[in-house]
Amino acid sequence: MGHYRLDGNDKPMRVGGVKYTIKVGIVYGAAQLLKDVRAMVAEAKGGRPLSP
């Protein structure tokens, strides 16, 4: 989530991005939602872990 920007030492750092999303009036934290989706996909694939 977000995009990369170079810091003062020319190292990439992730900035910005989606923090929350809303569906049918319910607010979801994007980071937790992403973790939940990764877990659902891993379960559907037979428990094989996904890389973050």
C-alpha atoms as a PDB file:
ATOM      1  CA  MET A   1       0.000   0.000   0.000  1.00  0.00           C
ATOM      2  CA  GLY A   2       1.329   3.404  -0.858  1.00  0.00           C
ATOM      3  CA  HIS A   3       4.198   4.393  -3.050  1.00  0.00           C
ATOM      4  CA  TYR A   4       7.950   4.767  -2.640  1.00  0.00           C
ATOM      5  CA  ARG A   5       9.874   7.972  -2.053  1.00  0.00           C
ATOM      6  CA  LEU A   6      13.609   8.334  -1.552  1.00  0.00           C
ATOM      7  CA  ASP A   7      14.679   9.564   1.868  1.00  0.00           C
ATOM      8  CA  GLY A   8      17.670  11.826   2.536  1.00  0.00           C
ATOM      9  CA  ASN A   9      20.059   8.881   2.069  1.00  0.00           C
ATOM     10  CA  ASP A  10      18.488   7.869  -1.268  1.00  0.00           C
ATOM     11  CA  LYS A  11      16.897   4.797   0.318  1.00  0.00           C
ATOM     12  CA  PRO A  12      13.330   3.989  -0.743  1.00  0.00           C
ATOM     13  CA  MET A  13      10.633   4.276   1.909  1.00  0.00           C
ATOM     14  CA  ARG A  14       6.934   3.566   1.548  1.00  0.00           C
ATOM     15  CA  VAL A  15       4.682   6.592   2.074  1.00  0.00           C
ATOM     16  CA  GLY A  16       1.008   7.383   1.743  1.00  0.00           C
ATOM     17  CA  GLY A  17      -1.443   4.710   0.726  1.00  0.00           C
ATOM     18  CA  VAL A  18      -4.872   3.634   1.851  1.00  0.00           C
ATOM     19  CA  LYS A  19      -5.421   3.576   5.614  1.00  0.00           C
ATOM     20  CA  TYR A  20      -9.149   2.893   5.691  1.00  0.00           C
ATOM     21  CA  THR A  21     -11.860   1.819   3.310  1.00  0.00           C
ATOM     22  CA  ILE A  22     -15.638   1.946   3.711  1.00  0.00           C
ATOM     23  CA  LYS A  23     -18.184  -0.564   2.428  1.00  0.00           C
ATOM     24  CA  VAL A  24     -21.910  -0.290   3.146  1.00  0.00           C
ATOM     25  CA  GLY A  25     -21.156   2.241   5.876  1.00  0.00           C
ATOM     26  CA  ILE A  26     -18.654  -0.004   7.697  1.00  0.00           C
ATOM     27  CA  VAL A  27     -15.104   1.322   8.124  1.00  0.00           C
ATOM     28  CA  TYR A  28     -12.305  -1.211   7.642  1.00  0.00           C
ATOM     29  CA  GLY A  29      -8.628  -0.699   8.469  1.00  0.00           C
ATOM     30  CA  ALA A  30      -6.730  -1.453   5.256  1.00  0.00           C
ATOM     31  CA  ALA A  31      -3.763  -3.170   6.938  1.00  0.00           C
ATOM     32  CA  GLN A  32      -5.969  -5.562   8.916  1.00  0.00           C
ATOM     33  CA  LEU A  33      -8.168  -6.202   5.896  1.00  0.00           C
ATOM     34  CA  LEU A  34      -5.078  -7.130   3.850  1.00  0.00           C
ATOM     35  CA  LYS A  35      -3.925  -9.559   6.572  1.00  0.00           C
ATOM     36  CA  ASP A  36      -7.383 -11.152   6.683  1.00  0.00           C
ATOM     37  CA  VAL A  37      -7.470 -11.596   2.906  1.00  0.00           C
ATOM     38  CA  ARG A  38      -3.988 -13.149   2.898  1.00  0.00           C
ATOM     39  CA  ALA A  39      -5.123 -15.639   5.568  1.00  0.00           C
ATOM     40  CA  MET A  40      -8.279 -16.508   3.587  1.00  0.00           C
ATOM     41  CA  VAL A  41      -6.292 -17.088   0.404  1.00  0.00           C
ATOM     42  CA  ALA A  42      -3.709 -19.217   2.231  1.00  0.00           C
ATOM     43  CA  GLU A  43      -6.498 -21.335   3.735  1.00  0.00           C
ATOM     44  CA  ALA A  44      -8.118 -21.738   0.327  1.00  0.00           C
ATOM     45  CA  LYS A  45      -4.780 -22.880  -1.118  1.00  0.00           C
ATOM     46  CA  GLY A  46      -4.449 -25.582   1.523  1.00  0.00           C
ATOM     47  CA  GLY A  47      -2.570 -23.707   4.208  1.00  0.00           C
ATOM     48  CA  ARG A  48       0.421 -22.694   2.120  1.00  0.00           C
ATOM     49  CA  PRO A  49       1.683 -19.328   3.449  1.00  0.00           C
ATOM     50  CA  LEU A  50       1.797 -16.285   1.192  1.00  0.00           C
ATOM     51  CA  SER A  51       4.650 -13.821   1.116  1.00  0.00           C
ATOM     52  CA  PRO A  52       3.715 -10.379   2.521  1.00  0.00           C
END
